[in-house]
Amino acid sequence: MNTANAQLEGLYLAIAAVNRLLVRKGIVSREELQDALQEAEMAALNSGKDDGISHAHELALVFPIRLLIKALSAEHTADFRELARQVGRAD
């Protein structure tokens, strides 16, 4: 595996943990955080429309956002590969 991929996996899991902490502390609701992530997903998809990017590129662009959305609904820190499988199945 590429070292950069492993570093990104760790980063995604860290962000997911921070997101759950924010919800647990009552700083933001799960719904607000999910709405913000979905807004980011739509912005990412819309940003590439005029550039004529491929569907594969679009999926790569929104993968981390979709992974964080899946992780938000998980009760605990899920395994990265399981979250990635869930995102892949949804696409």
N, C-alpha and C. Protein backbone atom coordinates (compact mmCIF):
# COMPACT_ATOMS: atom_id res chain seq x y z
N MET A 1 0.84 -1.18 0.00
CA MET A 1 0.00 0.00 0.00
C MET A 1 0.88 1.24 0.00
N ASN A 2 0.45 2.23 -0.69
CA ASN A 2 1.13 3.51 -0.75
C ASN A 2 1.07 4.16 0.63
N THR A 3 2.18 4.68 1.11
CA THR A 3 2.23 5.32 2.42
C THR A 3 1.28 6.50 2.52
N ALA A 4 1.14 7.24 1.45
CA ALA A 4 0.22 8.39 1.46
C ALA A 4 -1.21 7.91 1.70
N ASN A 5 -1.58 6.77 1.13
CA ASN A 5 -2.92 6.23 1.35
C ASN A 5 -3.14 5.92 2.82
N ALA A 6 -2.15 5.31 3.46
CA ALA A 6 -2.26 4.98 4.88
C ALA A 6 -2.39 6.25 5.71
N GLN A 7 -1.65 7.27 5.34
CA GLN A 7 -1.75 8.54 6.06
C GLN A 7 -3.13 9.16 5.90
N LEU A 8 -3.69 9.09 4.70
CA LEU A 8 -5.04 9.62 4.48
C LEU A 8 -6.08 8.81 5.24
N GLU A 9 -5.92 7.50 5.29
CA GLU A 9 -6.84 6.67 6.06
C GLU A 9 -6.85 7.12 7.52
N GLY A 10 -5.67 7.34 8.07
CA GLY A 10 -5.56 7.81 9.45
C GLY A 10 -6.20 9.17 9.65
N LEU A 11 -5.99 10.05 8.69
CA LEU A 11 -6.58 11.38 8.76
C LEU A 11 -8.10 11.31 8.75
N TYR A 12 -8.68 10.49 7.86
CA TYR A 12 -10.13 10.35 7.80
C TYR A 12 -10.69 9.83 9.11
N LEU A 13 -10.02 8.83 9.69
CA LEU A 13 -10.49 8.28 10.96
C LEU A 13 -10.36 9.31 12.09
N ALA A 14 -9.32 10.13 12.06
CA ALA A 14 -9.16 11.18 13.07
C ALA A 14 -10.26 12.23 12.93
N ILE A 15 -10.56 12.63 11.72
CA ILE A 15 -11.63 13.62 11.50
C ILE A 15 -12.97 13.03 11.95
N ALA A 16 -13.19 11.76 11.66
CA ALA A 16 -14.43 11.10 12.09
C ALA A 16 -14.54 11.11 13.61
N ALA A 17 -13.44 10.86 14.30
CA ALA A 17 -13.45 10.87 15.76
C ALA A 17 -13.75 12.27 16.30
N VAL A 18 -13.17 13.29 15.69
CA VAL A 18 -13.43 14.67 16.10
C VAL A 18 -14.90 15.02 15.86
N ASN A 19 -15.44 14.59 14.72
CA ASN A 19 -16.85 14.85 14.43
C ASN A 19 -17.75 14.24 15.50
N ARG A 20 -17.47 12.98 15.87
CA ARG A 20 -18.28 12.33 16.92
C ARG A 20 -18.13 13.05 18.25
N LEU A 21 -16.93 13.53 18.55
CA LEU A 21 -16.71 14.29 19.79
C LEU A 21 -17.54 15.57 19.80
N LEU A 22 -17.55 16.28 18.69
CA LEU A 22 -18.34 17.51 18.59
C LEU A 22 -19.82 17.24 18.83
N VAL A 23 -20.30 16.14 18.29
CA VAL A 23 -21.70 15.77 18.51
C VAL A 23 -21.93 15.39 19.97
N ARG A 24 -21.05 14.55 20.51
CA ARG A 24 -21.18 14.08 21.90
C ARG A 24 -21.15 15.24 22.90
N LYS A 25 -20.33 16.25 22.63
CA LYS A 25 -20.22 17.41 23.52
C LYS A 25 -21.36 18.40 23.32
N GLY A 26 -22.20 18.17 22.31
CA GLY A 26 -23.33 19.05 22.06
C GLY A 26 -22.95 20.34 21.34
N ILE A 27 -21.77 20.39 20.77
CA ILE A 27 -21.32 21.58 20.05
C ILE A 27 -22.06 21.72 18.73
N VAL A 28 -22.34 20.59 18.13
CA VAL A 28 -23.08 20.55 16.87
C VAL A 28 -23.94 19.29 16.91
N SER A 29 -25.11 19.35 16.30
CA SER A 29 -25.94 18.16 16.27
C SER A 29 -25.49 17.25 15.13
N ARG A 30 -25.84 16.00 15.24
CA ARG A 30 -25.51 15.04 14.18
C ARG A 30 -26.12 15.50 12.85
N GLU A 31 -27.34 16.01 12.91
CA GLU A 31 -28.02 16.47 11.70
C GLU A 31 -27.31 17.67 11.08
N GLU A 32 -26.85 18.61 11.91
CA GLU A 32 -26.13 19.78 11.39
C GLU A 32 -24.83 19.36 10.72
N LEU A 33 -24.14 18.44 11.36
CA LEU A 33 -22.87 17.97 10.80
C LEU A 33 -23.11 17.20 9.51
N GLN A 34 -24.14 16.37 9.49
CA GLN A 34 -24.47 15.63 8.28
C GLN A 34 -24.86 16.59 7.16
N ASP A 35 -25.65 17.62 7.48
CA ASP A 35 -26.02 18.62 6.48
C ASP A 35 -24.79 19.32 5.91
N ALA A 36 -23.84 19.66 6.79
CA ALA A 36 -22.62 20.34 6.34
C ALA A 36 -21.81 19.44 5.42
N LEU A 37 -21.71 18.16 5.78
CA LEU A 37 -20.96 17.22 4.93
C LEU A 37 -21.66 17.01 3.60
N GLN A 38 -22.98 16.93 3.61
CA GLN A 38 -23.71 16.77 2.35
C GLN A 38 -23.59 18.02 1.48
N GLU A 39 -23.55 19.17 2.11
CA GLU A 39 -23.32 20.42 1.37
C GLU A 39 -21.94 20.40 0.72
N ALA A 40 -20.95 19.93 1.45
CA ALA A 40 -19.59 19.82 0.90
C ALA A 40 -19.57 18.83 -0.26
N GLU A 41 -20.30 17.74 -0.13
CA GLU A 41 -20.37 16.75 -1.21
C GLU A 41 -20.96 17.36 -2.47
N MET A 42 -22.05 18.09 -2.32
CA MET A 42 -22.68 18.73 -3.48
C MET A 42 -21.75 19.77 -4.11
N ALA A 43 -21.07 20.53 -3.28
CA ALA A 43 -20.13 21.53 -3.80
C ALA A 43 -19.01 20.86 -4.57
N ALA A 44 -18.51 19.74 -4.06
CA ALA A 44 -17.44 19.01 -4.74
C ALA A 44 -17.93 18.48 -6.09
N LEU A 45 -19.13 17.93 -6.11
CA LEU A 45 -19.67 17.41 -7.36
C LEU A 45 -19.92 18.52 -8.37
N ASN A 46 -20.43 19.65 -7.89
CA ASN A 46 -20.72 20.76 -8.79
C ASN A 46 -19.46 21.45 -9.31
N SER A 47 -18.38 21.40 -8.54
CA SER A 47 -17.15 22.07 -8.94
C SER A 47 -16.53 21.44 -10.18
N GLY A 48 -16.78 20.15 -10.40
CA GLY A 48 -16.18 19.48 -11.53
C GLY A 48 -17.05 19.41 -12.77
N LYS A 49 -18.29 19.85 -12.67
CA LYS A 49 -19.20 19.73 -13.82
C LYS A 49 -18.70 20.49 -15.04
N ASP A 50 -18.22 21.68 -14.84
CA ASP A 50 -17.76 22.48 -15.97
C ASP A 50 -16.40 22.03 -16.50
N ASP A 51 -15.68 21.27 -15.69
CA ASP A 51 -14.35 20.82 -16.09
C ASP A 51 -14.40 19.53 -16.91
N GLY A 52 -15.55 18.91 -16.99
CA GLY A 52 -15.68 17.67 -17.73
C GLY A 52 -14.91 16.52 -17.12
N ILE A 53 -14.84 16.45 -15.80
CA ILE A 53 -14.09 15.37 -15.16
C ILE A 53 -14.86 14.05 -15.30
N SER A 54 -14.13 12.97 -15.22
CA SER A 54 -14.73 11.65 -15.38
C SER A 54 -15.52 11.27 -14.13
N HIS A 55 -16.38 10.28 -14.31
CA HIS A 55 -17.16 9.79 -13.18
C HIS A 55 -16.23 9.23 -12.09
N ALA A 56 -15.18 8.55 -12.51
CA ALA A 56 -14.21 8.01 -11.55
C ALA A 56 -13.56 9.12 -10.74
N HIS A 57 -13.26 10.23 -11.40
CA HIS A 57 -12.67 11.37 -10.70
C HIS A 57 -13.67 11.96 -9.70
N GLU A 58 -14.93 12.05 -10.10
CA GLU A 58 -15.97 12.54 -9.19
C GLU A 58 -16.06 11.66 -7.95
N LEU A 59 -16.06 10.35 -8.17
CA LEU A 59 -16.15 9.42 -7.04
C LEU A 59 -14.95 9.57 -6.11
N ALA A 60 -13.78 9.75 -6.68
CA ALA A 60 -12.58 9.95 -5.86
C ALA A 60 -12.67 11.26 -5.07
N LEU A 61 -13.25 12.26 -5.69
CA LEU A 61 -13.37 13.57 -5.06
C LEU A 61 -14.30 13.53 -3.85
N VAL A 62 -15.40 12.81 -3.96
CA VAL A 62 -16.38 12.80 -2.88
C VAL A 62 -16.18 11.65 -1.90
N PHE A 63 -15.26 10.74 -2.19
CA PHE A 63 -15.05 9.59 -1.31
C PHE A 63 -14.81 9.98 0.15
N PRO A 64 -13.88 10.90 0.44
CA PRO A 64 -13.64 11.21 1.85
C PRO A 64 -14.87 11.81 2.54
N ILE A 65 -15.63 12.59 1.81
CA ILE A 65 -16.83 13.20 2.40
C ILE A 65 -17.85 12.11 2.69
N ARG A 66 -18.06 11.22 1.75
CA ARG A 66 -19.01 10.14 1.96
C ARG A 66 -18.58 9.21 3.07
N LEU A 67 -17.28 8.99 3.18
CA LEU A 67 -16.76 8.16 4.27
C LEU A 67 -17.06 8.82 5.61
N LEU A 68 -16.88 10.13 5.70
CA LEU A 68 -17.16 10.83 6.95
C LEU A 68 -18.65 10.82 7.28
N ILE A 69 -19.49 10.86 6.27
CA ILE A 69 -20.93 10.75 6.50
C ILE A 69 -21.26 9.37 7.06
N LYS A 70 -20.70 8.32 6.48
CA LYS A 70 -20.91 6.96 6.98
C LYS A 70 -20.39 6.82 8.40
N ALA A 71 -19.21 7.38 8.66
CA ALA A 71 -18.62 7.28 9.99
C ALA A 71 -19.46 8.00 11.03
N LEU A 72 -20.13 9.06 10.62
CA LEU A 72 -20.97 9.83 11.55
C LEU A 72 -22.11 8.98 12.07
N SER A 73 -22.63 8.10 11.24
CA SER A 73 -23.75 7.26 11.67
C SER A 73 -23.28 6.01 12.42
N ALA A 74 -21.98 5.76 12.42
CA ALA A 74 -21.45 4.61 13.16
C ALA A 74 -21.44 4.93 14.66
N GLU A 75 -21.69 3.93 15.46
CA GLU A 75 -21.73 4.14 16.91
C GLU A 75 -20.34 4.32 17.52
N HIS A 76 -19.34 3.79 16.85
CA HIS A 76 -17.96 3.87 17.35
C HIS A 76 -17.04 4.01 16.15
N THR A 77 -15.78 4.14 16.41
CA THR A 77 -14.83 4.25 15.32
C THR A 77 -14.85 2.95 14.54
N ALA A 78 -15.34 3.05 13.33
CA ALA A 78 -15.43 1.86 12.48
C ALA A 78 -14.09 1.62 11.79
N ASP A 79 -13.93 0.42 11.34
CA ASP A 79 -12.75 0.06 10.57
C ASP A 79 -12.79 0.81 9.24
N PHE A 80 -11.67 1.38 8.85
CA PHE A 80 -11.61 2.16 7.62
C PHE A 80 -12.09 1.34 6.42
N ARG A 81 -11.62 0.12 6.33
CA ARG A 81 -11.98 -0.70 5.18
C ARG A 81 -13.49 -0.98 5.12
N GLU A 82 -14.11 -1.16 6.28
CA GLU A 82 -15.55 -1.37 6.30
C GLU A 82 -16.29 -0.11 5.85
N LEU A 83 -15.85 1.03 6.33
CA LEU A 83 -16.46 2.29 5.88
C LEU A 83 -16.29 2.46 4.37
N ALA A 84 -15.11 2.16 3.88
CA ALA A 84 -14.84 2.28 2.45
C ALA A 84 -15.74 1.34 1.64
N ARG A 85 -15.95 0.12 2.16
CA ARG A 85 -16.84 -0.82 1.48
C ARG A 85 -18.26 -0.27 1.42
N GLN A 86 -18.71 0.32 2.52
CA GLN A 86 -20.05 0.89 2.56
C GLN A 86 -20.19 2.01 1.54
N VAL A 87 -19.18 2.86 1.45
CA VAL A 87 -19.22 3.95 0.46
C VAL A 87 -19.24 3.36 -0.95
N GLY A 88 -18.42 2.35 -1.19
CA GLY A 88 -18.34 1.72 -2.50
C GLY A 88 -19.66 1.07 -2.90
N ARG A 89 -20.33 0.46 -1.95
CA ARG A 89 -21.61 -0.19 -2.24
C ARG A 89 -22.68 0.83 -2.58
N ALA A 90 -22.59 2.01 -1.98
CA ALA A 90 -23.59 3.06 -2.21
C ALA A 90 -23.41 3.71 -3.57
N ASP A 91 -22.19 3.68 -4.12
CA ASP A 91 -21.91 4.33 -5.41
C ASP A 91 -22.38 3.48 -6.50
